[in-house]
C-alpha atoms as a PDB file:
ATOM      1  CA  MET A   1     -32.808 -18.503 -16.578  1.00  0.00           C
ATOM      2  CA  LYS A   2     -29.509 -18.213 -17.716  1.00  0.00           C
ATOM      3  CA  THR A   3     -29.637 -14.327 -17.094  1.00  0.00           C
ATOM      4  CA  LEU A   4     -31.066 -15.038 -13.172  1.00  0.00           C
ATOM      5  CA  ARG A   5     -28.008 -17.494 -13.042  1.00  0.00           C
ATOM      6  CA  ARG A   6     -25.269 -15.403 -14.314  1.00  0.00           C
ATOM      7  CA  THR A   7     -26.620 -12.841 -11.990  1.00  0.00           C
ATOM      8  CA  LEU A   8     -26.748 -15.015  -8.919  1.00  0.00           C
ATOM      9  CA  LEU A   9     -23.323 -16.706 -10.298  1.00  0.00           C
ATOM     10  CA  ILE A  10     -21.352 -13.001 -10.450  1.00  0.00           C
ATOM     11  CA  ALA A  11     -23.365 -11.983  -6.846  1.00  0.00           C
ATOM     12  CA  PHE A  12     -21.509 -15.136  -5.364  1.00  0.00           C
ATOM     13  CA  LEU A  13     -17.864 -14.380  -6.812  1.00  0.00           C
ATOM     14  CA  LEU A  14     -18.388 -10.541  -5.501  1.00  0.00           C
ATOM     15  CA  PHE A  15     -18.798 -12.261  -1.902  1.00  0.00           C
ATOM     16  CA  LEU A  16     -15.825 -14.441  -2.514  1.00  0.00           C
ATOM     17  CA  ALA A  17     -13.738 -11.455  -3.385  1.00  0.00           C
ATOM     18  CA  PRO A  18     -10.702 -11.505  -0.854  1.00  0.00           C
ATOM     19  CA  ILE A  19      -9.811  -9.050   1.975  1.00  0.00           C
ATOM     20  CA  ALA A  20      -6.592  -7.282   0.484  1.00  0.00           C
ATOM     21  CA  LEU A  21      -3.755  -5.387   2.144  1.00  0.00           C
ATOM     22  CA  GLY A  22      -1.805  -3.286   0.802  1.00  0.00           C
ATOM     23  CA  TRP A  23      -0.138  -2.219  -2.970  1.00  0.00           C
ATOM     24  CA  SER A  24       0.704  -5.208  -4.510  1.00  0.00           C
ATOM     25  CA  ALA A  25       4.300  -6.456  -4.262  1.00  0.00           C
ATOM     26  CA  LEU A  26       4.645  -3.788  -7.423  1.00  0.00           C
ATOM     27  CA  GLY A  27       3.697  -1.218  -5.639  1.00  0.00           C
ATOM     28  CA  HIS A  28       5.414  -1.423  -2.773  1.00  0.00           C
ATOM     29  CA  ARG A  29       8.447  -2.576  -4.748  1.00  0.00           C
ATOM     30  CA  LEU A  30       8.131   0.987  -6.912  1.00  0.00           C
ATOM     31  CA  VAL A  31       8.168   2.620  -3.268  1.00  0.00           C
ATOM     32  CA  GLY A  32      11.266   0.705  -2.256  1.00  0.00           C
ATOM     33  CA  GLU A  33      12.768   1.365  -5.256  1.00  0.00           C
ATOM     34  CA  LEU A  34      12.572   5.284  -5.647  1.00  0.00           C
ATOM     35  CA  ALA A  35      13.043   5.537  -2.092  1.00  0.00           C
ATOM     36  CA  GLN A  36      16.581   4.166  -2.604  1.00  0.00           C
ATOM     37  CA  ARG A  37      17.922   6.380  -5.524  1.00  0.00           C
ATOM     38  CA  HIS A  38      17.595   8.928  -3.192  1.00  0.00           C
ATOM     39  CA  LEU A  39      19.207   7.838   0.232  1.00  0.00           C
ATOM     40  CA  ASN A  40      22.682   9.770   1.191  1.00  0.00           C
ATOM     41  CA  PRO A  41      25.068   8.044   1.160  1.00  0.00           C
ATOM     42  CA  ALA A  42      24.917   7.559   4.970  1.00  0.00           C
ATOM     43  CA  ALA A  43      21.579   6.362   4.881  1.00  0.00           C
ATOM     44  CA  ARG A  44      22.559   4.062   1.943  1.00  0.00           C
ATOM     45  CA  ALA A  45      25.497   2.674   3.756  1.00  0.00           C
ATOM     46  CA  GLU A  46      23.346   1.680   6.497  1.00  0.00           C
ATOM     47  CA  VAL A  47      20.490   0.212   4.744  1.00  0.00           C
ATOM     48  CA  ASP A  48      23.603  -2.111   3.018  1.00  0.00           C
ATOM     49  CA  LYS A  49      24.187  -3.113   6.547  1.00  0.00           C
ATOM     50  CA  LEU A  50      20.980  -4.157   7.912  1.00  0.00           C
ATOM     51  CA  LEU A  51      19.733  -5.777   4.666  1.00  0.00           C
ATOM     52  CA  ALA A  52      23.122  -7.949   4.028  1.00  0.00           C
ATOM     53  CA  GLY A  53      21.967 -11.831   4.346  1.00  0.00           C
ATOM     54  CA  GLU A  54      18.462 -10.836   2.548  1.00  0.00           C
ATOM     55  CA  PRO A  55      17.666 -12.754  -0.932  1.00  0.00           C
ATOM     56  CA  ASP A  56      17.331  -9.023  -2.714  1.00  0.00           C
ATOM     57  CA  PRO A  57      19.245  -6.953  -0.052  1.00  0.00           C
ATOM     58  CA  THR A  58      17.461  -3.927  -1.017  1.00  0.00           C
ATOM     59  CA  LEU A  59      14.417  -1.865  -0.284  1.00  0.00           C
ATOM     60  CA  ALA A  60      12.932  -3.013  -3.181  1.00  0.00           C
ATOM     61  CA  GLY A  61      13.309  -6.471  -2.427  1.00  0.00           C
ATOM     62  CA  VAL A  62      12.159  -6.230   1.054  1.00  0.00           C
ATOM     63  CA  ALA A  63       9.226  -3.748   0.245  1.00  0.00           C
ATOM     64  CA  ASP A  64       6.531  -6.546   0.637  1.00  0.00           C
ATOM     65  CA  TRP A  65       8.189  -8.884   3.205  1.00  0.00           C
ATOM     66  CA  ALA A  66       5.376  -7.606   6.135  1.00  0.00           C
ATOM     67  CA  ASP A  67       2.415  -8.906   3.412  1.00  0.00           C
ATOM     68  CA  LYS A  68       4.516 -12.293   3.343  1.00  0.00           C
ATOM     69  CA  LEU A  69       4.024 -12.828   6.743  1.00  0.00           C
ATOM     70  CA  ARG A  70       0.920 -14.218   6.122  1.00  0.00           C
ATOM     71  CA  ASP A  71       2.345 -17.006   4.540  1.00  0.00           C
ATOM     72  CA  THR A  72       5.758 -17.468   6.101  1.00  0.00           C
ATOM     73  CA  ASP A  73       4.726 -16.859   9.828  1.00  0.00           C
ATOM     74  CA  PRO A  74       1.419 -16.606  10.018  1.00  0.00           C
ATOM     75  CA  ALA A  75       1.212 -16.024  14.226  1.00  0.00           C
ATOM     76  CA  ARG A  76       3.211 -12.906  13.704  1.00  0.00           C
ATOM     77  CA  PHE A  77       0.875 -12.041  10.272  1.00  0.00           C
ATOM     78  CA  LYS A  78      -1.504 -12.541  12.747  1.00  0.00           C
ATOM     79  CA  GLN A  79      -0.508  -9.873  15.514  1.00  0.00           C
ATOM     80  CA  THR A  80       0.884  -7.149  13.155  1.00  0.00           C
ATOM     81  CA  GLN A  81      -2.212  -7.199  10.492  1.00  0.00           C
ATOM     82  CA  SER A  82      -3.609  -4.057  12.035  1.00  0.00           C
ATOM     83  CA  TRP A  83      -0.466  -2.201  11.574  1.00  0.00           C
ATOM     84  CA  HIS A  84      -1.146  -1.997   7.501  1.00  0.00           C
ATOM     85  CA  TYR A  85      -4.187   0.835   8.026  1.00  0.00           C
ATOM     86  CA  ILE A  86      -5.882   3.008   9.890  1.00  0.00           C
ATOM     87  CA  ASN A  87      -9.810   3.891   9.848  1.00  0.00           C
ATOM     88  CA  THR A  88     -11.386   6.912  10.807  1.00  0.00           C
ATOM     89  CA  PRO A  89     -14.931   7.263  11.961  1.00  0.00           C
ATOM     90  CA  PRO A  90     -17.220   8.409   8.686  1.00  0.00           C
ATOM     91  CA  GLY A  91     -17.332  12.059   8.154  1.00  0.00           C
ATOM     92  CA  THR A  92     -13.815  12.672   9.431  1.00  0.00           C
ATOM     93  CA  CYS A  93     -10.119  12.401   8.434  1.00  0.00           C
ATOM     94  CA  GLU A  94      -8.539  14.206  11.600  1.00  0.00           C
ATOM     95  CA  TYR A  95      -6.879  10.969  13.471  1.00  0.00           C
ATOM     96  CA  LYS A  96      -7.147  10.936  17.371  1.00  0.00           C
ATOM     97  CA  PRO A  97      -4.635   8.255  18.944  1.00  0.00           C
ATOM     98  CA  GLU A  98      -6.975   7.566  21.724  1.00  0.00           C
ATOM     99  CA  ARG A  99      -9.775   6.852  19.790  1.00  0.00           C
ATOM    100  CA  ASP A 100      -8.545   5.491  16.502  1.00  0.00           C
ATOM    101  CA  CYS A 101      -5.511   3.820  17.847  1.00  0.00           C
ATOM    102  CA  PRO A 102      -6.140   2.706  21.383  1.00  0.00           C
ATOM    103  CA  ASP A 103      -3.582   0.338  21.851  1.00  0.00           C
ATOM    104  CA  GLY A 104      -1.536   1.878  18.940  1.00  0.00           C
ATOM    105  CA  ASN A 105      -2.043  -1.093  16.387  1.00  0.00           C
ATOM    106  CA  CYS A 106      -2.413   1.060  13.285  1.00  0.00           C
ATOM    107  CA  VAL A 107      -0.325   2.646  10.433  1.00  0.00           C
ATOM    108  CA  ILE A 108       0.530   5.375  12.184  1.00  0.00           C
ATOM    109  CA  ALA A 109       1.574   3.983  15.605  1.00  0.00           C
ATOM    110  CA  ALA A 110       3.986   1.320  13.815  1.00  0.00           C
ATOM    111  CA  ILE A 111       5.748   3.449  11.886  1.00  0.00           C
ATOM    112  CA  GLU A 112       6.597   5.307  14.823  1.00  0.00           C
ATOM    113  CA  LYS A 113       7.281   2.779  16.831  1.00  0.00           C
ATOM    114  CA  GLN A 114       9.212   1.150  14.408  1.00  0.00           C
ATOM    115  CA  ARG A 115      11.636   4.027  13.467  1.00  0.00           C
ATOM    116  CA  ALA A 116      12.209   4.320  16.916  1.00  0.00           C
ATOM    117  CA  ILE A 117      13.763   0.961  17.131  1.00  0.00           C
ATOM    118  CA  LEU A 118      15.463   1.399  13.833  1.00  0.00           C
ATOM    119  CA  ALA A 119      16.996   5.397  15.116  1.00  0.00           C
ATOM    120  CA  ASP A 120      18.275   3.212  18.353  1.00  0.00           C
ATOM    121  CA  ARG A 121      21.871   0.991  17.581  1.00  0.00           C
ATOM    122  CA  SER A 122      21.462  -0.250  20.954  1.00  0.00           C
ATOM    123  CA  GLN A 123      19.176  -2.440  19.476  1.00  0.00           C
ATOM    124  CA  PRO A 124      20.076  -5.935  18.232  1.00  0.00           C
ATOM    125  CA  LEU A 125      20.483  -5.870  14.546  1.00  0.00           C
ATOM    126  CA  GLU A 126      17.781  -8.666  13.423  1.00  0.00           C
ATOM    127  CA  ALA A 127      15.350  -6.068  15.139  1.00  0.00           C
ATOM    128  CA  ARG A 128      16.422  -3.113  13.104  1.00  0.00           C
ATOM    129  CA  ARG A 129      16.284  -4.848  10.082  1.00  0.00           C
ATOM    130  CA  ASP A 130      12.493  -5.907  10.774  1.00  0.00           C
ATOM    131  CA  ALA A 131      11.979  -2.237  11.856  1.00  0.00           C
ATOM    132  CA  LEU A 132      13.352  -1.072   8.629  1.00  0.00           C
ATOM    133  CA  LYS A 133      11.430  -3.634   6.479  1.00  0.00           C
ATOM    134  CA  PHE A 134       8.102  -2.503   8.460  1.00  0.00           C
ATOM    135  CA  ILE A 135       8.905   0.687   7.676  1.00  0.00           C
ATOM    136  CA  VAL A 136       9.538   0.278   3.835  1.00  0.00           C
ATOM    137  CA  HIS A 137       6.397  -1.569   3.418  1.00  0.00           C
ATOM    138  CA  PHE A 138       3.973   0.458   5.743  1.00  0.00           C
ATOM    139  CA  VAL A 139       4.845   3.957   4.714  1.00  0.00           C
ATOM    140  CA  GLY A 140       3.637   2.427   1.428  1.00  0.00           C
ATOM    141  CA  ASP A 141       0.294   1.491   2.948  1.00  0.00           C
ATOM    142  CA  VAL A 142      -0.829   5.005   4.627  1.00  0.00           C
ATOM    143  CA  HIS A 143      -0.335   6.391   1.065  1.00  0.00           C
ATOM    144  CA  GLN A 144      -2.530   3.918  -0.390  1.00  0.00           C
ATOM    145  CA  PRO A 145      -5.962   5.829   0.055  1.00  0.00           C
ATOM    146  CA  MET A 146      -7.951   2.895   0.984  1.00  0.00           C
ATOM    147  CA  HIS A 147      -5.598   2.223   4.031  1.00  0.00           C
ATOM    148  CA  ALA A 148      -7.022   5.585   5.692  1.00  0.00           C
ATOM    149  CA  SER A 149     -10.592   5.429   5.266  1.00  0.00           C
ATOM    150  CA  ASN A 150     -13.238   5.414   6.950  1.00  0.00           C
ATOM    151  CA  ARG A 151     -14.484   1.998   9.066  1.00  0.00           C
ATOM    152  CA  THR A 152     -17.720   1.123   7.968  1.00  0.00           C
ATOM    153  CA  ASP A 153     -16.449  -0.460   5.154  1.00  0.00           C
ATOM    154  CA  LYS A 154     -13.017  -1.900   5.952  1.00  0.00           C
ATOM    155  CA  GLY A 155     -11.368   0.624   3.505  1.00  0.00           C
ATOM    156  CA  GLY A 156     -12.732  -0.558   0.385  1.00  0.00           C
ATOM    157  CA  ASN A 157     -12.616  -4.117   1.239  1.00  0.00           C
ATOM    158  CA  GLY A 158     -16.879  -4.376   1.965  1.00  0.00           C
ATOM    159  CA  TYR A 159     -16.966  -2.218  -1.357  1.00  0.00           C
ATOM    160  CA  GLN A 160     -17.473  -5.734  -3.638  1.00  0.00           C
ATOM    161  CA  ILE A 161     -16.889  -4.401  -7.491  1.00  0.00           C
ATOM    162  CA  SER A 162     -17.563  -6.535 -11.275  1.00  0.00           C
ATOM    163  CA  LEU A 163     -14.375  -6.165 -13.274  1.00  0.00           C
ATOM    164  CA  ARG A 164     -14.257  -7.323 -16.630  1.00  0.00           C
ATOM    165  CA  THR A 165     -11.345 -10.280 -16.630  1.00  0.00           C
ATOM    166  CA  ASP A 166      -9.456  -8.501 -19.552  1.00  0.00           C
ATOM    167  CA  LEU A 167      -8.643  -5.465 -16.880  1.00  0.00           C
ATOM    168  CA  GLN A 168      -7.009  -7.593 -14.683  1.00  0.00           C
ATOM    169  CA  PRO A 169      -3.051  -8.074 -14.667  1.00  0.00           C
ATOM    170  CA  GLU A 170      -2.007 -11.577 -15.843  1.00  0.00           C
ATOM    171  CA  ALA A 171       0.523 -11.642 -11.986  1.00  0.00           C
ATOM    172  CA  TYR A 172      -2.975 -11.341 -10.386  1.00  0.00           C
ATOM    173  CA  ALA A 173      -5.157 -13.131 -12.373  1.00  0.00           C
ATOM    174  CA  ARG A 174      -7.755 -15.057 -10.161  1.00  0.00           C
ATOM    175  CA  LYS A 175     -10.196 -17.312 -11.137  1.00  0.00           C
ATOM    176  CA  ASN A 176     -13.450 -16.461  -9.424  1.00  0.00           C
ATOM    177  CA  TYR A 177     -15.143 -15.240 -12.416  1.00  0.00           C
ATOM    178  CA  VAL A 178     -17.809 -16.105 -14.860  1.00  0.00           C
ATOM    179  CA  ASP A 179     -18.794 -14.883 -18.819  1.00  0.00           C
ATOM    180  CA  GLY A 180     -15.700 -12.783 -18.663  1.00  0.00           C
ATOM    181  CA  VAL A 181     -17.007 -10.979 -15.521  1.00  0.00           C
ATOM    182  CA  MET A 182     -14.702 -11.308 -11.921  1.00  0.00           C
ATOM    183  CA  GLY A 183     -15.768 -10.732  -7.996  1.00  0.00           C
ATOM    184  CA  THR A 184     -13.222  -8.343  -6.444  1.00  0.00           C
ATOM    185  CA  ASN A 185     -13.485  -5.479  -4.002  1.00  0.00           C
ATOM    186  CA  LEU A 186     -12.683  -1.832  -4.658  1.00  0.00           C
ATOM    187  CA  HIS A 187      -9.513  -2.013  -2.089  1.00  0.00           C
ATOM    188  CA  SER A 188      -8.155  -4.895  -4.339  1.00  0.00           C
ATOM    189  CA  VAL A 189      -8.747  -2.432  -7.478  1.00  0.00           C
ATOM    190  CA  TRP A 190      -6.010   0.170  -5.612  1.00  0.00           C
ATOM    191  CA  ASP A 191      -4.058  -2.551  -4.462  1.00  0.00           C
ATOM    192  CA  TYR A 192      -3.434  -4.212  -7.693  1.00  0.00           C
ATOM    193  CA  TYR A 193      -5.381  -3.359 -10.926  1.00  0.00           C
ATOM    194  CA  ILE A 194      -4.560  -0.075 -11.231  1.00  0.00           C
ATOM    195  CA  LEU A 195      -0.690  -0.045 -11.488  1.00  0.00           C
ATOM    196  CA  GLY A 196      -0.834  -3.442 -12.662  1.00  0.00           C
ATOM    197  CA  SER A 197      -3.220  -3.028 -15.862  1.00  0.00           C
ATOM    198  CA  LYS A 198      -0.103  -0.748 -17.053  1.00  0.00           C
ATOM    199  CA  LYS A 199       2.075  -3.591 -17.919  1.00  0.00           C
ATOM    200  CA  LEU A 200       5.175  -2.197 -16.695  1.00  0.00           C
ATOM    201  CA  GLU A 201       7.926  -4.508 -15.485  1.00  0.00           C
ATOM    202  CA  LEU A 202       9.544  -2.953 -12.185  1.00  0.00           C
ATOM    203  CA  SER A 203      13.038  -1.354 -13.863  1.00  0.00           C
ATOM    204  CA  PRO A 204      10.935   0.796 -16.502  1.00  0.00           C
ATOM    205  CA  TYR A 205       8.231   1.701 -14.090  1.00  0.00           C
ATOM    206  CA  ALA A 206      10.203   3.171 -11.493  1.00  0.00           C
ATOM    207  CA  ALA A 207      12.510   5.249 -14.347  1.00  0.00           C
ATOM    208  CA  LYS A 208       9.327   6.194 -15.436  1.00  0.00           C
ATOM    209  CA  LEU A 209       8.268   7.472 -12.087  1.00  0.00           C
ATOM    210  CA  ASP A 210      11.120   8.612 -11.184  1.00  0.00           C
ATOM    211  CA  ALA A 211      11.436  11.130 -14.071  1.00  0.00           C
ATOM    212  CA  PRO A 212      11.252  15.174 -13.424  1.00  0.00           C
ATOM    213  CA  PRO A 213       9.912  17.133 -11.488  1.00  0.00           C
ATOM    214  CA  TRP A 214      11.444  15.250  -8.496  1.00  0.00           C
ATOM    215  CA  PRO A 215      10.979  15.845  -5.680  1.00  0.00           C
ATOM    216  CA  PRO A 216       6.734  15.259  -6.209  1.00  0.00           C
ATOM    217  CA  ALA A 217       5.073  18.067  -4.807  1.00  0.00           C
ATOM    218  CA  ALA A 218       4.161  16.576  -1.665  1.00  0.00           C
ATOM    219  CA  PRO A 219       4.525  18.589   1.803  1.00  0.00           C
ATOM    220  CA  THR A 220       7.943  17.163   3.826  1.00  0.00           C
ATOM    221  CA  THR A 221       6.287  16.323   6.623  1.00  0.00           C
ATOM    222  CA  SER A 222       7.462  13.598   8.201  1.00  0.00           C
ATOM    223  CA  ASP A 223       4.240  12.732  10.463  1.00  0.00           C
ATOM    224  CA  PRO A 224       2.347   9.656   9.437  1.00  0.00           C
ATOM    225  CA  ALA A 225      -0.879  11.278  10.649  1.00  0.00           C
ATOM    226  CA  ALA A 226      -0.232  13.970   8.055  1.00  0.00           C
ATOM    227  CA  TRP A 227      -0.033  11.420   5.425  1.00  0.00           C
ATOM    228  CA  ALA A 228      -2.794   9.092   6.289  1.00  0.00           C
ATOM    229  CA  GLY A 229      -4.980  12.468   6.691  1.00  0.00           C
ATOM    230  CA  GLU A 230      -3.861  13.139   3.077  1.00  0.00           C
ATOM    231  CA  SER A 231      -5.140   9.419   2.217  1.00  0.00           C
ATOM    232  CA  CYS A 232      -8.404   9.764   3.695  1.00  0.00           C
ATOM    233  CA  ARG A 233      -9.552  12.948   1.874  1.00  0.00           C
ATOM    234  CA  LEU A 234      -8.866  11.807  -1.564  1.00  0.00           C
ATOM    235  CA  ILE A 235     -11.414   9.616  -0.762  1.00  0.00           C
ATOM    236  CA  GLU A 236     -13.784  11.991  -0.475  1.00  0.00           C
ATOM    237  CA  SER A 237     -12.134  14.955  -2.854  1.00  0.00           C
ATOM    238  CA  ARG A 238     -11.469  12.550  -5.338  1.00  0.00           C
ATOM    239  CA  HIS A 239     -14.800  10.619  -6.254  1.00  0.00           C
ATOM    240  CA  LEU A 240     -12.831   6.965  -5.758  1.00  0.00           C
ATOM    241  CA  TYR A 241     -15.779   4.873  -4.862  1.00  0.00           C
ATOM    242  CA  PRO A 242     -17.631   4.237  -8.577  1.00  0.00           C
ATOM    243  CA  GLU A 243     -20.994   3.877  -9.040  1.00  0.00           C
ATOM    244  CA  GLY A 244     -23.398   0.954  -9.379  1.00  0.00           C
ATOM    245  CA  HIS A 245     -19.837  -1.212  -8.198  1.00  0.00           C
ATOM    246  CA  LYS A 246     -19.074  -1.883 -11.438  1.00  0.00           C
ATOM    247  CA  LEU A 247     -15.509  -0.538 -12.989  1.00  0.00           C
ATOM    248  CA  ASP A 248     -13.864  -0.442 -16.857  1.00  0.00           C
ATOM    249  CA  ILE A 249     -10.637   0.248 -18.059  1.00  0.00           C
ATOM    250  CA  ALA A 250     -11.845   4.530 -17.518  1.00  0.00           C
ATOM    251  CA  TYR A 251     -11.698   4.303 -14.541  1.00  0.00           C
ATOM    252  CA  LEU A 252      -8.081   2.536 -13.863  1.00  0.00           C
ATOM    253  CA  ASP A 253      -7.103   5.007 -16.498  1.00  0.00           C
ATOM    254  CA  ALA A 254      -8.588   7.999 -14.774  1.00  0.00           C
ATOM    255  CA  GLN A 255      -7.140   7.280 -11.161  1.00  0.00           C
ATOM    256  CA  ARG A 256      -3.706   5.533 -11.971  1.00  0.00           C
ATOM    257  CA  PRO A 257      -1.867   9.110 -11.622  1.00  0.00           C
ATOM    258  CA  LEU A 258      -3.106   9.288  -8.275  1.00  0.00           C
ATOM    259  CA  ALA A 259      -1.856   6.146  -7.591  1.00  0.00           C
ATOM    260  CA  GLU A 260       1.453   6.821  -9.468  1.00  0.00           C
ATOM    261  CA  GLN A 261       1.340  10.305  -7.386  1.00  0.00           C
ATOM    262  CA  ARG A 262       1.086   8.670  -4.018  1.00  0.00           C
ATOM    263  CA  VAL A 263       3.392   6.271  -5.297  1.00  0.00           C
ATOM    264  CA  ARG A 264       6.415   9.210  -5.919  1.00  0.00           C
ATOM    265  CA  GLN A 265       5.405  10.975  -2.419  1.00  0.00           C
ATOM    266  CA  ALA A 266       5.560   7.722  -0.466  1.00  0.00           C
ATOM    267  CA  ALA A 267       8.960   7.125  -2.254  1.00  0.00           C
ATOM    268  CA  TYR A 268      10.111  10.376  -1.178  1.00  0.00           C
ATOM    269  CA  ARG A 269       8.951  10.834   2.086  1.00  0.00           C
ATOM    270  CA  LEU A 270      10.187   7.473   3.033  1.00  0.00           C
ATOM    271  CA  ALA A 271      13.788   8.643   1.599  1.00  0.00           C
ATOM    272  CA  ASN A 272      13.523  11.459   3.914  1.00  0.00           C
ATOM    273  CA  LEU A 273      12.676   9.100   6.612  1.00  0.00           C
ATOM    274  CA  LEU A 274      15.425   6.700   6.044  1.00  0.00           C
ATOM    275  CA  ASN A 275      17.850   9.925   5.703  1.00  0.00           C
ATOM    276  CA  GLU A 276      16.569  11.543   8.639  1.00  0.00           C
ATOM    277  CA  THR A 277      17.021   8.303  11.002  1.00  0.00           C
ATOM    278  CA  LEU A 278      20.146   6.772   9.055  1.00  0.00           C
ATOM    279  CA  GLY A 279      22.015   9.323   7.695  1.00  0.00           C
ATOM    280  CA  HIS A 280      24.129  10.600  10.466  1.00  0.00           C
END
């Protein structure tokens, strides 16, 4: 009877596992911090001008702004929620705008649109500032493999996972657990636990990821559709879905190098995008 009760409780907690949006604040801030280190002087000056007046006027400081809209501006968050990801049909990673983003509400189209606003110096300062903040966030999102997954399980949000509570970072601790096991989903694992379980603060973690070789091995394409295609193909080639819906420390340790590589690639490409857009 006790075993049955425990099983039912865990199943219920898995049902309650929240839908996640993107890299955690740590992941996004790492992308922003690393990118800022590699801006050219002209791009850095423009970024400083655009972010003047922000509580933390750095790319790292605004990196999770788009997620925070959920609390600070719910109406705008609802309007932009689909800008965080792109889903393609099962069996393909090829992006077709007319099929996968017909209304322009996906991460690929959002990056392109916000880049155009950022590049247009006739736009109001506030519009360009918000465009910069969106770009910093969305370039990070599109490099998170679960943000360019197939649409059957909503990028891992529908793939429920049981996880030992001692593996969760303190900053993201939740109370939906029983007998040392908590319910979550694979998307949240990639957002929070893989990087967060390292338990490093931003500055030392960024220093670690900024070590040579730099730039990281990555094609220099500035096409967000190509970045999304990479993320999608990683899901198939690297077996990111654990069998049995159970996850342990071995999974986190095995996948962390890939997560860190994607953060580095996102930062490198974000710096290139901003240097091309603002550095002249």
